[in-house]
Amino acid sequence: WSAEGKPMKSIATLENMSFATVNFHLNNARKVLDAGSLAQATALA
């Protein structure tokens, strides 16, 4: 969703999650990919 340009609030609404949960998953994905930013993580993924 982030790669498609959706902000975290929209992702939370689309997936029926809280903003904090979306933030949690995106931060963990960024760490797994060893990316410095969310944009870098989505580009790498």
All heavy atoms as atom14 arrays in JSON, in Angstrom:
{
  "sequence": "WSAEGKPMKSIATLENMSFATVNFHLNNARKVLDAGSLAQATALA",
  "atom14_mask": [
    [1, 1, 1, 1, 1, 1, 1, 1, 1, 1, 1, 1, 1, 1],
    [1, 1, 1, 1, 1, 1, 0, 0, 0, 0, 0, 0, 0, 0],
    [1, 1, 1, 1, 1, 0, 0, 0, 0, 0, 0, 0, 0, 0],
    [1, 1, 1, 1, 1, 1, 1, 1, 1, 0, 0, 0, 0, 0],
    [1, 1, 1, 1, 0, 0, 0, 0, 0, 0, 0, 0, 0, 0],
    [1, 1, 1, 1, 1, 1, 1, 1, 1, 0, 0, 0, 0, 0],
    [1, 1, 1, 1, 1, 1, 1, 0, 0, 0, 0, 0, 0, 0],
    [1, 1, 1, 1, 1, 1, 1, 1, 0, 0, 0, 0, 0, 0],
    [1, 1, 1, 1, 1, 1, 1, 1, 1, 0, 0, 0, 0, 0],
    [1, 1, 1, 1, 1, 1, 0, 0, 0, 0, 0, 0, 0, 0],
    [1, 1, 1, 1, 1, 1, 1, 1, 0, 0, 0, 0, 0, 0],
    [1, 1, 1, 1, 1, 0, 0, 0, 0, 0, 0, 0, 0, 0],
    [1, 1, 1, 1, 1, 1, 1, 0, 0, 0, 0, 0, 0, 0],
    [1, 1, 1, 1, 1, 1, 1, 1, 0, 0, 0, 0, 0, 0],
    [1, 1, 1, 1, 1, 1, 1, 1, 1, 0, 0, 0, 0, 0],
    [1, 1, 1, 1, 1, 1, 1, 1, 0, 0, 0, 0, 0, 0],
    [1, 1, 1, 1, 1, 1, 1, 1, 0, 0, 0, 0, 0, 0],
    [1, 1, 1, 1, 1, 1, 0, 0, 0, 0, 0, 0, 0, 0],
    [1, 1, 1, 1, 1, 1, 1, 1, 1, 1, 1, 0, 0, 0],
    [1, 1, 1, 1, 1, 0, 0, 0, 0, 0, 0, 0, 0, 0],
    [1, 1, 1, 1, 1, 1, 1, 0, 0, 0, 0, 0, 0, 0],
    [1, 1, 1, 1, 1, 1, 1, 0, 0, 0, 0, 0, 0, 0],
    [1, 1, 1, 1, 1, 1, 1, 1, 0, 0, 0, 0, 0, 0],
    [1, 1, 1, 1, 1, 1, 1, 1, 1, 1, 1, 0, 0, 0],
    [1, 1, 1, 1, 1, 1, 1, 1, 1, 1, 0, 0, 0, 0],
    [1, 1, 1, 1, 1, 1, 1, 1, 0, 0, 0, 0, 0, 0],
    [1, 1, 1, 1, 1, 1, 1, 1, 0, 0, 0, 0, 0, 0],
    [1, 1, 1, 1, 1, 1, 1, 1, 0, 0, 0, 0, 0, 0],
    [1, 1, 1, 1, 1, 0, 0, 0, 0, 0, 0, 0, 0, 0],
    [1, 1, 1, 1, 1, 1, 1, 1, 1, 1, 1, 0, 0, 0],
    [1, 1, 1, 1, 1, 1, 1, 1, 1, 0, 0, 0, 0, 0],
    [1, 1, 1, 1, 1, 1, 1, 0, 0, 0, 0, 0, 0, 0],
    [1, 1, 1, 1, 1, 1, 1, 1, 0, 0, 0, 0, 0, 0],
    [1, 1, 1, 1, 1, 1, 1, 1, 0, 0, 0, 0, 0, 0],
    [1, 1, 1, 1, 1, 0, 0, 0, 0, 0, 0, 0, 0, 0],
    [1, 1, 1, 1, 0, 0, 0, 0, 0, 0, 0, 0, 0, 0],
    [1, 1, 1, 1, 1, 1, 0, 0, 0, 0, 0, 0, 0, 0],
    [1, 1, 1, 1, 1, 1, 1, 1, 0, 0, 0, 0, 0, 0],
    [1, 1, 1, 1, 1, 0, 0, 0, 0, 0, 0, 0, 0, 0],
    [1, 1, 1, 1, 1, 1, 1, 1, 1, 0, 0, 0, 0, 0],
    [1, 1, 1, 1, 1, 0, 0, 0, 0, 0, 0, 0, 0, 0],
    [1, 1, 1, 1, 1, 1, 1, 0, 0, 0, 0, 0, 0, 0],
    [1, 1, 1, 1, 1, 0, 0, 0, 0, 0, 0, 0, 0, 0],
    [1, 1, 1, 1, 1, 1, 1, 1, 0, 0, 0, 0, 0, 0],
    [1, 1, 1, 1, 1, 0, 0, 0, 0, 0, 0, 0, 0, 0]
  ],
  "atom14_positions": [
    [[0.83, -1.21, 0.0], [0.0, 0.0, 0.0], [0.86, 1.25, 0.0], [0.57, 2.23, -0.69], [-0.94, 0.02, 1.2], [-2.15, -0.85, 1.08], [-2.5, -1.89, 1.89], [-3.2, -0.74, 0.1], [-3.68, -2.44, 1.47], [-4.14, -1.75, 0.37], [-3.43, 0.1, -0.98], [-5.28, -1.94, -0.38], [-4.56, -0.08, -1.75], [-5.48, -1.09, -1.44]],
    [[1.92, 1.23, 0.78], [2.81, 2.38, 0.86], [3.48, 2.64, -0.49], [3.62, 3.79, -0.92], [3.87, 2.15, 1.94], [4.73, 3.25, 2.03], [0.0, 0.0, 0.0], [0.0, 0.0, 0.0], [0.0, 0.0, 0.0], [0.0, 0.0, 0.0], [0.0, 0.0, 0.0], [0.0, 0.0, 0.0], [0.0, 0.0, 0.0], [0.0, 0.0, 0.0]],
    [[3.87, 1.58, -1.18], [4.49, 1.71, -2.5], [3.52, 2.32, -3.51], [3.94, 2.95, -4.48], [4.98, 0.36, -2.99], [0.0, 0.0, 0.0], [0.0, 0.0, 0.0], [0.0, 0.0, 0.0], [0.0, 0.0, 0.0], [0.0, 0.0, 0.0], [0.0, 0.0, 0.0], [0.0, 0.0, 0.0], [0.0, 0.0, 0.0], [0.0, 0.0, 0.0]],
    [[2.24, 2.13, -3.27], [1.22, 2.71, -4.14], [0.87, 4.14, -3.76], [-0.05, 4.74, -4.31], [-0.03, 1.83, -4.14], [0.21, 0.48, -4.81], [-1.03, -0.39, -4.86], [-2.15, 0.14, -4.66], [-0.87, -1.59, -5.11], [0.0, 0.0, 0.0], [0.0, 0.0, 0.0], [0.0, 0.0, 0.0], [0.0, 0.0, 0.0], [0.0, 0.0, 0.0]],
    [[1.6, 4.67, -2.76], [1.42, 6.06, -2.37], [0.43, 6.32, -1.27], [0.11, 7.47, -0.98], [0.0, 0.0, 0.0], [0.0, 0.0, 0.0], [0.0, 0.0, 0.0], [0.0, 0.0, 0.0], [0.0, 0.0, 0.0], [0.0, 0.0, 0.0], [0.0, 0.0, 0.0], [0.0, 0.0, 0.0], [0.0, 0.0, 0.0], [0.0, 0.0, 0.0]],
    [[-0.08, 5.27, -0.64], [-1.06, 5.46, 0.43], [-0.36, 5.88, 1.72], [0.61, 5.28, 2.14], [-1.83, 4.17, 0.71], [-2.62, 3.63, -0.48], [-3.81, 4.49, -0.78], [-4.63, 3.86, -1.9], [-5.56, 4.8, -2.47], [0.0, 0.0, 0.0], [0.0, 0.0, 0.0], [0.0, 0.0, 0.0], [0.0, 0.0, 0.0], [0.0, 0.0, 0.0]],
    [[-0.87, 6.93, 2.37], [-0.32, 7.3, 3.68], [-0.78, 6.3, 4.75], [-1.74, 5.54, 4.55], [-0.91, 8.69, 3.94], [-2.07, 8.81, 3.03], [-1.86, 7.86, 1.89], [0.0, 0.0, 0.0], [0.0, 0.0, 0.0], [0.0, 0.0, 0.0], [0.0, 0.0, 0.0], [0.0, 0.0, 0.0], [0.0, 0.0, 0.0], [0.0, 0.0, 0.0]],
    [[-0.1, 6.29, 5.86], [-0.38, 5.31, 6.92], [-1.84, 5.38, 7.4], [-2.43, 4.34, 7.68], [0.59, 5.47, 8.08], [1.96, 4.9, 7.78], [2.99, 4.72, 9.24], [3.88, 6.24, 9.16], [0.0, 0.0, 0.0], [0.0, 0.0, 0.0], [0.0, 0.0, 0.0], [0.0, 0.0, 0.0], [0.0, 0.0, 0.0], [0.0, 0.0, 0.0]],
    [[-2.4, 6.56, 7.5], [-3.8, 6.68, 7.94], [-4.73, 5.96, 6.97], [-5.67, 5.28, 7.38], [-4.22, 8.14, 8.1], [-3.69, 8.79, 9.35], [-4.26, 10.19, 9.5], [-3.8, 10.8, 10.81], [-4.42, 12.1, 11.07], [0.0, 0.0, 0.0], [0.0, 0.0, 0.0], [0.0, 0.0, 0.0], [0.0, 0.0, 0.0], [0.0, 0.0, 0.0]],
    [[-4.47, 6.11, 5.68], [-5.31, 5.44, 4.67], [-5.13, 3.93, 4.71], [-6.1, 3.18, 4.56], [-4.97, 5.95, 3.27], [-5.28, 7.31, 3.16], [0.0, 0.0, 0.0], [0.0, 0.0, 0.0], [0.0, 0.0, 0.0], [0.0, 0.0, 0.0], [0.0, 0.0, 0.0], [0.0, 0.0, 0.0], [0.0, 0.0, 0.0], [0.0, 0.0, 0.0]],
    [[-3.89, 3.49, 4.9], [-3.63, 2.05, 5.0], [-4.39, 1.48, 6.2], [-5.01, 0.42, 6.1], [-2.12, 1.76, 5.13], [-1.37, 2.22, 3.88], [-1.87, 0.27, 5.38], [0.15, 2.2, 4.0], [0.0, 0.0, 0.0], [0.0, 0.0, 0.0], [0.0, 0.0, 0.0], [0.0, 0.0, 0.0], [0.0, 0.0, 0.0], [0.0, 0.0, 0.0]],
    [[-4.37, 2.21, 7.3], [-5.07, 1.77, 8.51], [-6.57, 1.62, 8.22], [-7.19, 0.62, 8.61], [-4.84, 2.76, 9.64], [0.0, 0.0, 0.0], [0.0, 0.0, 0.0], [0.0, 0.0, 0.0], [0.0, 0.0, 0.0], [0.0, 0.0, 0.0], [0.0, 0.0, 0.0], [0.0, 0.0, 0.0], [0.0, 0.0, 0.0], [0.0, 0.0, 0.0]],
    [[-7.14, 2.57, 7.53], [-8.56, 2.52, 7.19], [-8.86, 1.36, 6.24], [-9.79, 0.58, 6.46], [-9.02, 3.85, 6.55], [-8.76, 4.91, 7.48], [-10.49, 3.82, 6.21], [0.0, 0.0, 0.0], [0.0, 0.0, 0.0], [0.0, 0.0, 0.0], [0.0, 0.0, 0.0], [0.0, 0.0, 0.0], [0.0, 0.0, 0.0], [0.0, 0.0, 0.0]],
    [[-8.05, 1.24, 5.19], [-8.26, 0.18, 4.19], [-8.17, -1.22, 4.79], [-8.91, -2.12, 4.4], [-7.23, 0.31, 3.07], [-7.43, 1.47, 2.1], [-6.18, 1.69, 1.27], [-8.62, 1.19, 1.21], [0.0, 0.0, 0.0], [0.0, 0.0, 0.0], [0.0, 0.0, 0.0], [0.0, 0.0, 0.0], [0.0, 0.0, 0.0], [0.0, 0.0, 0.0]],
    [[-7.24, -1.4, 5.72], [-7.0, -2.73, 6.28], [-7.62, -2.93, 7.66], [-7.37, -3.94, 8.31], [-5.49, -3.0, 6.33], [-4.85, -3.08, 4.96], [-5.45, -4.18, 4.09], [-5.87, -5.22, 4.62], [-5.51, -3.97, 2.86], [0.0, 0.0, 0.0], [0.0, 0.0, 0.0], [0.0, 0.0, 0.0], [0.0, 0.0, 0.0], [0.0, 0.0, 0.0]],
    [[-8.43, -1.97, 8.08], [-9.12, -2.07, 9.37], [-8.13, -2.3, 10.51], [-8.3, -3.2, 11.33], [-10.21, -3.15, 9.34], [-11.2, -2.99, 10.45], [-11.4, -1.88, 10.96], [-11.83, -4.08, 10.86], [0.0, 0.0, 0.0], [0.0, 0.0, 0.0], [0.0, 0.0, 0.0], [0.0, 0.0, 0.0], [0.0, 0.0, 0.0], [0.0, 0.0, 0.0]],
    [[-7.07, -1.51, 10.51], [-6.05, -1.57, 11.56], [-5.95, -0.18, 12.19], [-6.41, 0.8, 11.61], [-4.66, -1.89, 10.97], [-4.49, -3.21, 10.32], [-2.75, -3.31, 9.77], [-2.91, -4.48, 8.45], [0.0, 0.0, 0.0], [0.0, 0.0, 0.0], [0.0, 0.0, 0.0], [0.0, 0.0, 0.0], [0.0, 0.0, 0.0], [0.0, 0.0, 0.0]],
    [[-5.31, -0.12, 13.31], [-5.04, 1.19, 13.9], [-3.8, 1.78, 13.23], [-2.99, 1.06, 12.64], [-4.8, 1.07, 15.41], [-3.56, 0.42, 15.65], [0.0, 0.0, 0.0], [0.0, 0.0, 0.0], [0.0, 0.0, 0.0], [0.0, 0.0, 0.0], [0.0, 0.0, 0.0], [0.0, 0.0, 0.0], [0.0, 0.0, 0.0], [0.0, 0.0, 0.0]],
    [[-3.69, 3.09, 13.32], [-2.52, 3.77, 12.78], [-1.25, 3.21, 13.41], [-0.25, 2.98, 12.72], [-2.63, 5.28, 13.04], [-1.42, 6.06, 12.6], [-1.32, 6.51, 11.3], [-0.39, 6.34, 13.48], [-0.21, 7.23, 10.88], [0.72, 7.06, 13.07], [0.81, 7.5, 11.76], [0.0, 0.0, 0.0], [0.0, 0.0, 0.0], [0.0, 0.0, 0.0]],
    [[-1.29, 2.96, 14.72], [-0.12, 2.44, 15.44], [0.3, 1.07, 14.91], [1.49, 0.77, 14.81], [-0.41, 2.37, 16.93], [0.0, 0.0, 0.0], [0.0, 0.0, 0.0], [0.0, 0.0, 0.0], [0.0, 0.0, 0.0], [0.0, 0.0, 0.0], [0.0, 0.0, 0.0], [0.0, 0.0, 0.0], [0.0, 0.0, 0.0], [0.0, 0.0, 0.0]],
    [[-0.68, 0.24, 14.55], [-0.38, -1.09, 14.02], [0.29, -0.99, 12.66], [1.27, -1.68, 12.38], [-1.65, -1.95, 13.94], [-2.21, -2.06, 15.25], [-1.36, -3.33, 13.39], [0.0, 0.0, 0.0], [0.0, 0.0, 0.0], [0.0, 0.0, 0.0], [0.0, 0.0, 0.0], [0.0, 0.0, 0.0], [0.0, 0.0, 0.0], [0.0, 0.0, 0.0]],
    [[-0.22, -0.11, 11.81], [0.39, 0.1, 10.49], [1.81, 0.62, 10.66], [2.75, 0.14, 10.03], [-0.46, 1.06, 9.63], [0.27, 1.44, 8.35], [-1.82, 0.46, 9.33], [0.0, 0.0, 0.0], [0.0, 0.0, 0.0], [0.0, 0.0, 0.0], [0.0, 0.0, 0.0], [0.0, 0.0, 0.0], [0.0, 0.0, 0.0], [0.0, 0.0, 0.0]],
    [[1.98, 1.59, 11.54], [3.3, 2.15, 11.83], [4.25, 1.06, 12.32], [5.41, 0.99, 11.89], [3.17, 3.27, 12.85], [4.46, 4.03, 13.05], [5.2, 4.28, 12.11], [4.73, 4.41, 14.29], [0.0, 0.0, 0.0], [0.0, 0.0, 0.0], [0.0, 0.0, 0.0], [0.0, 0.0, 0.0], [0.0, 0.0, 0.0], [0.0, 0.0, 0.0]],
    [[3.76, 0.19, 13.2], [4.54, -0.92, 13.74], [5.03, -1.84, 12.61], [6.22, -2.17, 12.53], [3.69, -1.7, 14.75], [4.3, -2.98, 15.23], [5.26, -2.97, 16.23], [3.91, -4.2, 14.69], [5.82, -4.17, 16.69], [4.46, -5.38, 15.13], [5.43, -5.37, 16.14], [0.0, 0.0, 0.0], [0.0, 0.0, 0.0], [0.0, 0.0, 0.0]],
    [[4.12, -2.25, 11.73], [4.48, -3.17, 10.65], [5.45, -2.51, 9.65], [6.39, -3.16, 9.19], [3.23, -3.67, 9.93], [2.42, -4.62, 10.74], [2.92, -5.76, 11.31], [1.12, -4.58, 11.09], [1.97, -6.39, 11.96], [0.85, -5.69, 11.85], [0.0, 0.0, 0.0], [0.0, 0.0, 0.0], [0.0, 0.0, 0.0], [0.0, 0.0, 0.0]],
    [[5.22, -1.26, 9.32], [6.1, -0.57, 8.38], [7.49, -0.33, 8.97], [8.5, -0.48, 8.28], [5.48, 0.74, 7.91], [4.3, 0.59, 6.95], [3.65, 1.94, 6.68], [4.73, -0.07, 5.65], [0.0, 0.0, 0.0], [0.0, 0.0, 0.0], [0.0, 0.0, 0.0], [0.0, 0.0, 0.0], [0.0, 0.0, 0.0], [0.0, 0.0, 0.0]],
    [[7.55, 0.0, 10.25], [8.86, 0.18, 10.9], [9.62, -1.14, 10.96], [10.83, -1.17, 10.73], [8.71, 0.76, 12.3], [8.63, 2.27, 12.29], [9.19, 2.92, 11.42], [7.93, 2.82, 13.26], [0.0, 0.0, 0.0], [0.0, 0.0, 0.0], [0.0, 0.0, 0.0], [0.0, 0.0, 0.0], [0.0, 0.0, 0.0], [0.0, 0.0, 0.0]],
    [[8.92, -2.21, 11.26], [9.59, -3.52, 11.31], [10.05, -3.95, 9.92], [11.14, -4.52, 9.77], [8.69, -4.58, 11.94], [8.61, -4.42, 13.44], [9.5, -3.87, 14.07], [7.52, -4.9, 14.03], [0.0, 0.0, 0.0], [0.0, 0.0, 0.0], [0.0, 0.0, 0.0], [0.0, 0.0, 0.0], [0.0, 0.0, 0.0], [0.0, 0.0, 0.0]],
    [[9.25, -3.68, 8.9], [9.64, -4.0, 7.53], [10.88, -3.21, 7.14], [11.81, -3.74, 6.51], [8.49, -3.71, 6.57], [0.0, 0.0, 0.0], [0.0, 0.0, 0.0], [0.0, 0.0, 0.0], [0.0, 0.0, 0.0], [0.0, 0.0, 0.0], [0.0, 0.0, 0.0], [0.0, 0.0, 0.0], [0.0, 0.0, 0.0], [0.0, 0.0, 0.0]],
    [[10.9, -1.95, 7.52], [12.06, -1.1, 7.24], [13.31, -1.66, 7.89], [14.38, -1.73, 7.27], [11.79, 0.33, 7.73], [12.85, 1.34, 7.35], [12.55, 2.71, 7.93], [12.26, 2.71, 9.36], [13.19, 2.59, 10.31], [14.45, 2.45, 10.0], [12.83, 2.61, 11.58], [0.0, 0.0, 0.0], [0.0, 0.0, 0.0], [0.0, 0.0, 0.0]],
    [[13.18, -2.13, 9.13], [14.32, -2.71, 9.84], [14.78, -4.02, 9.18], [15.97, -4.26, 9.03], [13.96, -2.96, 11.31], [13.84, -1.68, 12.1], [13.36, -1.95, 13.51], [13.05, -0.66, 14.25], [12.46, -0.89, 15.56], [0.0, 0.0, 0.0], [0.0, 0.0, 0.0], [0.0, 0.0, 0.0], [0.0, 0.0, 0.0], [0.0, 0.0, 0.0]],
    [[13.82, -4.87, 8.8], [14.16, -6.14, 8.14], [14.94, -5.87, 6.86], [15.92, -6.56, 6.55], [12.89, -6.97, 7.84], [13.19, -8.11, 6.89], [12.28, -7.49, 9.13], [0.0, 0.0, 0.0], [0.0, 0.0, 0.0], [0.0, 0.0, 0.0], [0.0, 0.0, 0.0], [0.0, 0.0, 0.0], [0.0, 0.0, 0.0], [0.0, 0.0, 0.0]],
    [[14.52, -4.85, 6.11], [15.16, -4.52, 4.84], [16.41, -3.67, 5.01], [17.08, -3.35, 4.04], [14.15, -3.81, 3.93], [12.97, -4.66, 3.48], [11.91, -3.79, 2.82], [13.42, -5.77, 2.55], [0.0, 0.0, 0.0], [0.0, 0.0, 0.0], [0.0, 0.0, 0.0], [0.0, 0.0, 0.0], [0.0, 0.0, 0.0], [0.0, 0.0, 0.0]],
    [[16.69, -3.29, 6.26], [17.85, -2.44, 6.58], [17.8, -1.14, 5.78], [18.8, -0.7, 5.21], [19.16, -3.19, 6.33], [20.35, -2.51, 7.0], [20.14, -1.82, 8.0], [21.48, -2.65, 6.48], [0.0, 0.0, 0.0], [0.0, 0.0, 0.0], [0.0, 0.0, 0.0], [0.0, 0.0, 0.0], [0.0, 0.0, 0.0], [0.0, 0.0, 0.0]],
    [[16.61, -0.56, 5.72], [16.4, 0.68, 4.97], [16.36, 1.86, 5.94], [15.87, 1.74, 7.06], [15.09, 0.6, 4.2], [0.0, 0.0, 0.0], [0.0, 0.0, 0.0], [0.0, 0.0, 0.0], [0.0, 0.0, 0.0], [0.0, 0.0, 0.0], [0.0, 0.0, 0.0], [0.0, 0.0, 0.0], [0.0, 0.0, 0.0], [0.0, 0.0, 0.0]],
    [[16.86, 2.98, 5.48], [16.89, 4.17, 6.32], [15.57, 4.91, 6.37], [15.35, 5.7, 7.27], [0.0, 0.0, 0.0], [0.0, 0.0, 0.0], [0.0, 0.0, 0.0], [0.0, 0.0, 0.0], [0.0, 0.0, 0.0], [0.0, 0.0, 0.0], [0.0, 0.0, 0.0], [0.0, 0.0, 0.0], [0.0, 0.0, 0.0], [0.0, 0.0, 0.0]],
    [[14.72, 4.67, 5.39], [13.44, 5.37, 5.34], [12.38, 4.44, 4.76], [12.7, 3.41, 4.17], [13.54, 6.62, 4.46], [13.76, 6.24, 3.11], [0.0, 0.0, 0.0], [0.0, 0.0, 0.0], [0.0, 0.0, 0.0], [0.0, 0.0, 0.0], [0.0, 0.0, 0.0], [0.0, 0.0, 0.0], [0.0, 0.0, 0.0], [0.0, 0.0, 0.0]],
    [[11.14, 4.85, 4.91], [10.04, 4.07, 4.35], [10.1, 4.06, 2.83], [9.87, 3.04, 2.19], [8.69, 4.63, 4.83], [7.44, 3.92, 4.33], [7.48, 2.43, 4.65], [6.2, 4.57, 4.93], [0.0, 0.0, 0.0], [0.0, 0.0, 0.0], [0.0, 0.0, 0.0], [0.0, 0.0, 0.0], [0.0, 0.0, 0.0], [0.0, 0.0, 0.0]],
    [[10.47, 5.21, 2.24], [10.6, 5.28, 0.78], [11.66, 4.3, 0.28], [11.47, 3.61, -0.72], [10.93, 6.7, 0.36], [0.0, 0.0, 0.0], [0.0, 0.0, 0.0], [0.0, 0.0, 0.0], [0.0, 0.0, 0.0], [0.0, 0.0, 0.0], [0.0, 0.0, 0.0], [0.0, 0.0, 0.0], [0.0, 0.0, 0.0], [0.0, 0.0, 0.0]],
    [[12.77, 4.23, 0.99], [13.83, 3.3, 0.6], [13.36, 1.85, 0.77], [13.64, 0.99, -0.06], [15.09, 3.54, 1.43], [16.25, 2.66, 1.01], [17.49, 2.85, 1.88], [17.43, 3.49, 2.93], [18.6, 2.29, 1.45], [0.0, 0.0, 0.0], [0.0, 0.0, 0.0], [0.0, 0.0, 0.0], [0.0, 0.0, 0.0], [0.0, 0.0, 0.0]],
    [[12.62, 1.58, 1.83], [12.11, 0.22, 2.07], [11.16, -0.21, 0.96], [11.25, -1.34, 0.46], [11.41, 0.15, 3.43], [0.0, 0.0, 0.0], [0.0, 0.0, 0.0], [0.0, 0.0, 0.0], [0.0, 0.0, 0.0], [0.0, 0.0, 0.0], [0.0, 0.0, 0.0], [0.0, 0.0, 0.0], [0.0, 0.0, 0.0], [0.0, 0.0, 0.0]],
    [[10.26, 0.69, 0.55], [9.31, 0.32, -0.51], [10.04, 0.14, -1.84], [9.72, -0.77, -2.6], [8.18, 1.35, -0.65], [8.73, 2.63, -0.9], [7.31, 1.39, 0.58], [0.0, 0.0, 0.0], [0.0, 0.0, 0.0], [0.0, 0.0, 0.0], [0.0, 0.0, 0.0], [0.0, 0.0, 0.0], [0.0, 0.0, 0.0], [0.0, 0.0, 0.0]],
    [[11.02, 0.98, -2.1], [11.8, 0.85, -3.35], [12.57, -0.47, -3.37], [12.58, -1.18, -4.38], [12.75, 2.03, -3.51], [0.0, 0.0, 0.0], [0.0, 0.0, 0.0], [0.0, 0.0, 0.0], [0.0, 0.0, 0.0], [0.0, 0.0, 0.0], [0.0, 0.0, 0.0], [0.0, 0.0, 0.0], [0.0, 0.0, 0.0], [0.0, 0.0, 0.0]],
    [[13.19, -0.81, -2.26], [13.95, -2.05, -2.17], [13.05, -3.27, -2.29], [13.35, -4.22, -3.01], [14.76, -2.09, -0.87], [15.67, -3.28, -0.65], [16.68, -3.42, -1.78], [16.39, -3.15, 0.68], [0.0, 0.0, 0.0], [0.0, 0.0, 0.0], [0.0, 0.0, 0.0], [0.0, 0.0, 0.0], [0.0, 0.0, 0.0], [0.0, 0.0, 0.0]],
    [[11.93, -3.23, -1.58], [10.99, -4.36, -1.63], [10.44, -4.55, -3.05], [10.28, -5.67, -3.52], [9.84, -4.13, -0.64], [0.0, 0.0, 0.0], [0.0, 0.0, 0.0], [0.0, 0.0, 0.0], [0.0, 0.0, 0.0], [0.0, 0.0, 0.0], [0.0, 0.0, 0.0], [0.0, 0.0, 0.0], [0.0, 0.0, 0.0], [0.0, 0.0, 0.0]]
  ]
}
